[in-house]
């Protein structure tokens, strides 16, 4: 009995027993292979167009930097890159993907490509859908199909949308379809959120949050506890001060959340001064004492006598993972991974709130509320207004 091994040619077994048919098939395979090599569009191609689909990570680990740049003195930023000549032929575009977990999976199919800033600083230079020139340094698709050593260059061919986030809401279907996704795909404290890792370890040069515009016309409506308890007490504490001083403290009390069951309310500390992310709380005997603490704090900041607000001195805020935000994702509505900042502190409001409140480092909500509240009360300020000037306004 003859034992036949099955393969893709099994259906043609009988016909291929014919010598002429076997010769014709062999000849056709040869011409197909020849045509594939001769007409290969990637043959001898050295450079490729790469589209940025998201930031992957950034770091200053000498080992990682050395492997990519040949030096251990430069920082490296990694981006997820989609090469138009390669990935467009094997992966569909992602516009129709709604589920954020599936988007993460789609993104993970693309390579992490390093960019080494020429100035040696960890600066985010590229945005979503920017098209840049990439090249393979060690091997490429024309080298036995290998794709190793792909790096980004400084040459920007076109600019994209200007941010890394996919504007899709968190979807519970990610858990229903795939079980519990790993933390590296965005699971933090049991909640899958869009862009959770987007700003992890990123350092922004300057004090400008690059996403979401600053609003100047928000309708700021103080809650009943601000109206009935805080404002009467603040009128006494700030009785001899300019209007701007009281408005700044009040706007911050509104943003910090002065109402029952909050730390600001329970500890008579409407500015949450000394109430840290780690869970440490600073209690005051009375609400008026808590407002006096606010006044003292702001006065020290304005005069340049606070250690964290030294006027005209370089300020470095490290990237940070906020356990407070992670524990309260529903109220904060943002990722606990916050970017760092480097700037010279001059007293600007946008600088002040980023030092004061960790949540203000990944949004313009805090800044928008202060500016809008002043506008509602007849005083026009903006993000570059100085704290030392604002508290003197009437």
Protein backbone atom coordinates (compact mmCIF):
# COMPACT_ATOMS: atom_id res chain seq x y z
CA UNK A 1 0.00 0.00 0.00
CA UNK A 2 1.35 3.41 -0.96
CA UNK A 3 1.37 6.08 1.76
CA UNK A 4 0.81 9.51 0.23
CA UNK A 5 1.92 12.68 2.05
CA UNK A 6 -0.51 15.52 1.55
CA UNK A 7 0.61 19.03 0.70
CA UNK A 8 -0.71 21.98 -1.30
CA UNK A 9 0.09 20.02 -4.47
CA UNK A 10 -1.83 16.89 -3.42
CA UNK A 11 -4.82 17.82 -5.58
CA UNK A 12 -2.53 17.76 -8.62
CA UNK A 13 -0.86 14.47 -7.74
CA UNK A 14 -2.14 12.51 -10.69
CA UNK A 15 -1.60 15.22 -13.27
CA UNK A 16 1.93 15.90 -12.03
CA UNK A 17 2.82 12.28 -12.66
CA UNK A 18 2.88 13.40 -16.27
CA UNK A 19 6.41 14.54 -17.11
CA UNK A 20 5.31 17.42 -19.31
CA UNK A 21 2.88 18.74 -16.70
CA UNK A 22 5.58 18.57 -14.03
CA UNK A 23 8.04 20.41 -16.31
CA UNK A 24 5.48 23.14 -17.10
CA UNK A 25 4.76 23.68 -13.40
CA UNK A 26 8.46 23.89 -12.57
CA UNK A 27 8.99 26.39 -15.40
CA UNK A 28 6.05 28.54 -14.23
CA UNK A 29 7.37 28.57 -10.67
CA UNK A 30 10.76 29.67 -11.93
CA UNK A 31 9.31 32.57 -13.94
CA UNK A 32 7.11 33.59 -10.99
CA UNK A 33 10.14 33.71 -8.71
CA UNK A 34 12.18 35.61 -11.30
CA UNK A 35 9.38 38.12 -11.80
CA UNK A 36 9.00 38.60 -8.05
CA UNK A 37 12.69 39.44 -7.65
CA UNK A 38 12.95 41.57 -10.79
CA UNK A 39 9.78 43.59 -10.13
CA UNK A 40 10.25 43.95 -6.38
CA UNK A 41 9.44 47.60 -5.58
CA UNK A 42 11.61 47.45 -2.45
CA UNK A 43 14.72 46.32 -4.32
CA UNK A 44 17.78 48.40 -3.34
CA UNK A 45 15.52 50.84 -1.45
CA UNK A 46 17.40 52.58 1.35
CA UNK A 47 14.88 55.11 2.67
CA UNK A 48 11.18 54.80 3.49
CA UNK A 49 8.35 57.12 4.36
CA UNK A 50 7.16 56.48 7.90
CA UNK A 51 3.96 57.77 9.46
CA UNK A 52 3.88 58.35 13.25
CA UNK A 53 0.88 56.57 14.77
CA UNK A 54 1.75 57.15 18.44
CA UNK A 55 4.57 57.76 20.87
CA UNK A 56 5.81 54.47 22.31
CA UNK A 57 8.16 55.53 25.12
CA UNK A 58 11.09 57.75 26.02
CA UNK A 59 13.94 57.17 28.39
CA UNK A 60 17.46 58.08 29.32
CA UNK A 61 18.79 54.59 30.02
CA UNK A 62 22.39 54.60 28.73
CA UNK A 63 22.06 51.02 27.52
CA UNK A 64 19.01 51.78 25.43
CA UNK A 65 20.48 55.03 24.15
CA UNK A 66 23.82 53.41 23.32
CA UNK A 67 22.20 50.61 21.33
CA UNK A 68 20.41 53.07 19.10
CA UNK A 69 22.67 56.09 18.87
CA UNK A 70 26.20 54.85 19.43
CA UNK A 71 26.58 57.08 22.48
CA UNK A 72 25.46 56.87 26.06
CA UNK A 73 24.99 60.62 26.43
CA UNK A 74 21.77 61.12 24.45
CA UNK A 75 18.17 60.41 25.28
CA UNK A 76 15.98 58.37 22.98
CA UNK A 77 12.32 58.71 22.07
CA UNK A 78 10.54 55.73 20.53
CA UNK A 79 7.59 56.12 18.15
CA UNK A 80 5.23 53.59 16.61
CA UNK A 81 5.88 53.95 12.88
CA UNK A 82 3.84 52.76 9.89
CA UNK A 83 5.99 52.63 6.77
CA UNK A 84 3.83 53.35 3.75
CA UNK A 85 5.73 51.02 1.42
CA UNK A 86 5.68 48.04 3.81
CA UNK A 87 2.85 48.17 6.35
CA UNK A 88 0.30 49.61 3.93
CA UNK A 89 0.65 46.35 1.99
CA UNK A 90 0.12 44.04 4.94
CA UNK A 91 -1.98 45.94 7.50
CA UNK A 92 -5.29 47.72 6.99
CA UNK A 93 -5.68 51.34 8.07
CA UNK A 94 -7.19 51.71 11.55
CA UNK A 95 -9.91 54.31 10.93
CA UNK A 96 -12.70 51.77 11.30
CA UNK A 97 -11.44 50.36 14.61
CA UNK A 98 -13.51 51.77 17.49
CA UNK A 99 -12.64 49.60 20.47
CA UNK A 100 -9.60 51.20 22.21
CA UNK A 101 -8.17 47.81 23.20
CA UNK A 102 -8.25 46.72 19.55
CA UNK A 103 -6.54 49.99 18.64
CA UNK A 104 -3.78 49.13 21.09
CA UNK A 105 -3.46 45.71 19.51
CA UNK A 106 -3.35 47.29 16.07
CA UNK A 107 -0.67 49.72 17.22
CA UNK A 108 1.40 46.88 18.70
CA UNK A 109 1.73 45.35 15.21
CA UNK A 110 3.93 48.28 14.18
CA UNK A 111 7.61 48.62 15.10
CA UNK A 112 9.02 50.84 17.83
CA UNK A 113 11.39 53.13 15.96
CA UNK A 114 13.94 55.27 17.84
CA UNK A 115 14.60 58.92 17.24
CA UNK A 116 17.70 60.41 18.83
CA UNK A 117 17.35 64.21 19.14
CA UNK A 118 20.38 65.96 17.69
CA UNK A 119 20.52 68.26 20.71
CA UNK A 120 20.63 65.32 23.12
CA UNK A 121 17.41 66.34 24.88
CA UNK A 122 14.29 64.23 25.35
CA UNK A 123 12.04 66.49 23.27
CA UNK A 124 8.81 65.35 21.62
CA UNK A 125 9.37 66.54 18.07
CA UNK A 126 6.89 64.46 16.15
CA UNK A 127 3.11 64.26 16.34
CA UNK A 128 0.46 61.81 15.23
CA UNK A 129 0.37 61.30 11.44
CA UNK A 130 3.58 63.25 10.83
CA UNK A 131 5.36 61.65 7.88
CA UNK A 132 9.12 61.42 8.25
CA UNK A 133 12.00 59.81 6.40
CA UNK A 134 13.17 56.51 7.91
CA UNK A 135 16.05 54.24 6.99
CA UNK A 136 17.38 50.81 7.89
CA UNK A 137 20.85 50.92 9.46
CA UNK A 138 21.64 47.19 9.64
CA UNK A 139 19.24 45.31 7.36
CA UNK A 140 16.10 45.90 5.34
CA UNK A 141 13.33 44.26 3.35
CA UNK A 142 15.72 43.72 0.45
CA UNK A 143 18.10 41.76 2.68
CA UNK A 144 16.40 38.35 2.78
CA UNK A 145 13.25 40.03 4.04
CA UNK A 146 14.81 41.18 7.30
CA UNK A 147 13.57 44.42 8.84
CA UNK A 148 16.05 45.45 11.49
CA UNK A 149 17.62 48.71 12.53
CA UNK A 150 14.86 51.04 11.31
CA UNK A 151 15.51 54.59 12.56
CA UNK A 152 13.80 57.94 12.12
CA UNK A 153 15.62 60.93 10.66
CA UNK A 154 15.09 64.67 11.17
CA UNK A 155 13.53 65.04 7.73
CA UNK A 156 9.80 65.78 8.10
CA UNK A 157 7.92 65.22 4.83
CA UNK A 158 4.51 66.39 6.08
CA UNK A 159 2.81 67.36 9.32
CA UNK A 160 -0.15 65.51 10.81
CA UNK A 161 -2.90 66.18 13.34
CA UNK A 162 -0.61 67.27 16.17
CA UNK A 163 -1.44 64.78 18.96
CA UNK A 164 -1.02 61.12 19.82
CA UNK A 165 -4.42 60.21 21.18
CA UNK A 166 -7.15 58.23 19.50
CA UNK A 167 -10.36 60.10 20.30
CA UNK A 168 -12.27 56.99 21.24
CA UNK A 169 -13.99 56.39 24.60
CA UNK A 170 -13.07 53.52 26.87
CA UNK A 171 -15.00 50.41 25.93
CA UNK A 172 -16.00 47.57 28.23
CA UNK A 173 -16.17 45.26 25.21
CA UNK A 174 -12.38 45.02 25.39
CA UNK A 175 -12.79 42.98 28.58
CA UNK A 176 -15.79 41.01 27.32
CA UNK A 177 -13.99 39.89 24.17
CA UNK A 178 -10.47 39.36 25.43
CA UNK A 179 -10.62 38.96 29.20
CA UNK A 180 -8.42 41.25 31.26
CA UNK A 181 -5.86 42.96 29.03
CA UNK A 182 -2.36 43.43 30.46
CA UNK A 183 -1.28 46.72 32.01
CA UNK A 184 1.07 47.46 29.12
CA UNK A 185 -2.00 47.85 26.93
CA UNK A 186 -3.52 50.47 29.18
CA UNK A 187 -5.12 48.65 32.11
CA UNK A 188 -4.60 50.84 35.15
CA UNK A 189 -6.44 50.25 38.42
CA UNK A 190 -8.91 48.03 36.57
CA UNK A 191 -9.94 50.66 34.00
CA UNK A 192 -8.97 50.61 30.35
CA UNK A 193 -8.64 54.21 29.18
CA UNK A 194 -7.57 55.68 25.87
CA UNK A 195 -4.03 56.96 25.75
CA UNK A 196 -3.13 55.75 29.24
CA UNK A 197 0.56 55.38 28.46
CA UNK A 198 0.82 58.21 25.97
CA UNK A 199 2.61 60.68 28.26
CA UNK A 200 4.49 58.14 30.36
CA UNK A 201 8.09 59.35 30.87
CA UNK A 202 7.64 62.26 28.45
CA UNK A 203 9.22 65.62 29.33
CA UNK A 204 7.71 68.76 27.78
CA UNK A 205 10.01 71.71 27.18
CA UNK A 206 8.13 74.78 28.46
CA UNK A 207 4.91 75.10 30.43
CA UNK A 208 2.32 74.70 27.67
CA UNK A 209 0.10 71.60 27.71
CA UNK A 210 -0.05 70.72 23.98
CA UNK A 211 -3.59 69.30 23.87
CA UNK A 212 -7.02 70.83 24.49
CA UNK A 213 -7.19 74.63 24.16
CA UNK A 214 -7.44 76.94 27.16
CA UNK A 215 -10.99 78.17 27.64
CA UNK A 216 -11.76 81.69 28.83
CA UNK A 217 -15.56 81.54 28.85
CA UNK A 218 -16.36 78.57 31.06
CA UNK A 219 -19.47 79.01 33.19
CA UNK A 220 -18.04 78.63 36.68
CA UNK A 221 -20.85 78.11 39.17
CA UNK A 222 -19.67 77.69 42.78
CA UNK A 223 -21.53 74.94 44.64
CA UNK A 224 -23.69 75.73 47.68
CA UNK A 225 -20.88 74.93 50.11
CA UNK A 226 -18.61 77.46 48.42
CA UNK A 227 -21.42 80.02 48.36
CA UNK A 228 -22.74 79.47 51.89
CA UNK A 229 -19.59 78.60 53.83
CA UNK A 230 -16.39 79.41 51.94
CA UNK A 231 -17.22 82.84 50.49
CA UNK A 232 -18.43 84.41 53.78
CA UNK A 233 -15.28 83.18 55.53
CA UNK A 234 -13.07 84.33 52.64
CA UNK A 235 -14.56 87.82 52.80
CA UNK A 236 -13.25 88.10 56.36
CA UNK A 237 -9.79 86.66 55.65
CA UNK A 238 -9.25 88.78 52.52
CA UNK A 239 -11.04 91.87 53.84
CA UNK A 240 -8.00 94.12 53.40
CA UNK A 241 -6.67 92.54 50.20
CA UNK A 242 -7.23 93.35 46.52
CA UNK A 243 -10.05 91.54 44.73
CA UNK A 244 -7.67 89.40 42.65
CA UNK A 245 -6.19 87.78 45.77
CA UNK A 246 -9.61 86.51 46.92
CA UNK A 247 -10.65 85.46 43.40
CA UNK A 248 -7.54 83.32 42.93
CA UNK A 249 -8.01 81.54 46.26
CA UNK A 250 -11.72 81.02 45.58
CA UNK A 251 -11.14 79.65 42.08
CA UNK A 252 -8.66 77.17 43.49
CA UNK A 253 -11.08 76.10 46.24
CA UNK A 254 -13.72 75.49 43.57
CA UNK A 255 -11.32 73.40 41.48
CA UNK A 256 -9.94 71.49 44.47
CA UNK A 257 -13.49 70.40 45.32
CA UNK A 258 -14.78 71.95 48.51
CA UNK A 259 -17.87 69.91 49.42
CA UNK A 260 -18.76 67.14 51.93
CA UNK A 261 -16.73 63.91 51.88
CA UNK A 262 -13.76 65.49 50.10
CA UNK A 263 -10.38 65.96 51.72
CA UNK A 264 -10.64 69.73 51.28
CA UNK A 265 -13.92 69.77 53.21
CA UNK A 266 -13.16 67.18 55.90
CA UNK A 267 -9.83 68.78 56.86
CA UNK A 268 -10.93 72.44 56.64
CA UNK A 269 -8.28 72.79 53.94
CA UNK A 270 -10.04 74.20 50.84
CA UNK A 271 -6.77 74.54 48.91
CA UNK A 272 -5.67 70.96 49.69
CA UNK A 273 -2.33 72.43 50.77
CA UNK A 274 -0.30 69.59 52.24
CA UNK A 275 -2.87 66.99 51.16
CA UNK A 276 -0.60 64.86 49.02
CA UNK A 277 -1.12 62.14 46.44
CA UNK A 278 0.40 59.64 48.85
CA UNK A 279 -2.59 60.10 51.19
CA UNK A 280 -1.03 62.47 53.71
CA UNK A 281 -3.50 65.11 54.96
CA UNK A 282 -3.10 68.46 56.66
CA UNK A 283 -6.03 69.39 58.91
CA UNK A 284 -6.91 72.89 60.11
CA UNK A 285 -9.02 73.75 63.20
CA UNK A 286 -11.56 75.87 61.32
CA UNK A 287 -12.47 76.81 57.76
CA UNK A 288 -11.15 80.33 58.33
CA UNK A 289 -7.81 78.81 59.38
CA UNK A 290 -7.79 76.81 56.16
CA UNK A 291 -8.40 79.97 54.11
CA UNK A 292 -5.63 81.77 56.02
CA UNK A 293 -3.36 78.87 55.01
CA UNK A 294 -4.36 79.51 51.39
CA UNK A 295 -3.64 83.21 51.72
CA UNK A 296 -0.24 82.62 53.31
CA UNK A 297 0.71 80.06 50.69
CA UNK A 298 -0.21 82.28 47.72
CA UNK A 299 1.55 85.28 49.30
CA UNK A 300 4.77 83.27 49.70
CA UNK A 301 4.53 82.11 46.08
CA UNK A 302 3.99 85.66 44.80
CA UNK A 303 6.96 87.00 46.74
CA UNK A 304 9.28 84.22 45.52
CA UNK A 305 9.85 82.95 49.05
CA UNK A 306 8.44 79.48 48.52
CA UNK A 307 11.03 76.78 47.80
CA UNK A 308 9.05 75.34 44.89
CA UNK A 309 8.39 78.71 43.24
CA UNK A 310 11.76 80.45 43.00
CA UNK A 311 11.38 83.34 40.56
CA UNK A 312 13.55 83.27 37.42
CA UNK A 313 15.03 79.90 38.34
CA UNK A 314 14.95 76.69 36.24
CA UNK A 315 12.18 74.33 37.31
CA UNK A 316 12.09 70.63 36.47
CA UNK A 317 8.88 68.70 37.18
CA UNK A 318 9.55 64.99 36.79
CA UNK A 319 7.11 62.68 34.96
CA UNK A 320 4.82 61.19 37.55
CA UNK A 321 2.41 58.34 38.18
CA UNK A 322 -0.41 59.68 40.37
CA UNK A 323 -1.97 57.11 42.70
CA UNK A 324 -4.59 59.71 43.60
CA UNK A 325 -5.73 59.94 39.96
CA UNK A 326 -5.53 56.16 39.59
CA UNK A 327 -7.83 55.70 42.60
CA UNK A 328 -10.31 58.27 41.31
CA UNK A 329 -10.36 57.75 37.56
CA UNK A 330 -14.07 58.54 37.25
CA UNK A 331 -13.73 62.01 38.73
CA UNK A 332 -10.40 62.96 37.17
CA UNK A 333 -11.19 61.40 33.76
CA UNK A 334 -7.53 61.17 32.79
CA UNK A 335 -4.56 58.84 32.84
CA UNK A 336 -2.52 58.69 36.05
CA UNK A 337 0.63 58.93 33.92
CA UNK A 338 1.57 62.62 33.85
CA UNK A 339 4.32 64.22 31.75
CA UNK A 340 7.21 66.21 33.15
CA UNK A 341 8.03 69.84 32.38
CA UNK A 342 11.16 71.96 32.08
CA UNK A 343 10.90 75.75 32.21
CA UNK A 344 12.23 78.86 33.93
CA UNK A 345 9.67 79.84 36.56
CA UNK A 346 8.58 83.47 36.19
CA UNK A 347 5.29 83.33 38.09
CA UNK A 348 3.06 82.64 35.08
CA UNK A 349 -0.30 81.08 35.92
CA UNK A 350 0.28 78.09 33.64
CA UNK A 351 3.57 77.39 35.44
CA UNK A 352 2.02 77.95 38.86
CA UNK A 353 -0.85 75.46 38.45
CA UNK A 354 1.46 72.75 37.06
CA UNK A 355 3.60 72.96 40.18
CA UNK A 356 0.60 73.29 42.50
CA UNK A 357 -1.67 70.52 41.18
CA UNK A 358 -0.45 67.25 39.68
CA UNK A 359 -3.64 66.85 37.63
CA UNK A 360 -2.99 70.21 35.92
CA UNK A 361 0.03 68.68 34.18
CA UNK A 362 -2.12 66.77 31.71
CA UNK A 363 -4.86 69.25 30.90
CA UNK A 364 -5.91 72.89 30.79
CA UNK A 365 -9.00 72.53 32.99
CA UNK A 366 -7.45 74.10 36.10
CA UNK A 367 -6.07 77.02 34.14
CA UNK A 368 -9.32 77.52 32.20
CA UNK A 369 -11.38 77.64 35.41
CA UNK A 370 -9.17 80.32 37.00
CA UNK A 371 -9.12 82.50 33.87
CA UNK A 372 -12.87 82.10 33.32
CA UNK A 373 -13.71 82.83 36.96
CA UNK A 374 -11.74 86.07 36.86
CA UNK A 375 -13.49 87.02 33.61
CA UNK A 376 -16.89 86.38 35.21
CA UNK A 377 -15.89 88.78 37.95
CA UNK A 378 -14.75 91.54 35.61
CA UNK A 379 -10.97 90.96 35.49
CA UNK A 380 -9.25 89.78 32.28
CA UNK A 381 -6.17 87.60 32.71
CA UNK A 382 -4.53 84.84 30.67
CA UNK A 383 -2.14 81.93 31.07
CA UNK A 384 0.93 84.20 31.00
CA UNK A 385 -0.37 86.55 33.71
CA UNK A 386 1.89 86.50 36.76
CA UNK A 387 0.64 85.41 40.18
CA UNK A 388 2.44 88.38 41.72
CA UNK A 389 0.39 90.70 39.48
CA UNK A 390 -2.92 88.83 39.64
CA UNK A 391 -3.26 89.12 43.43
CA UNK A 392 -2.96 92.92 43.19
CA UNK A 393 -5.80 93.33 40.68
CA UNK A 394 -9.09 95.06 41.57
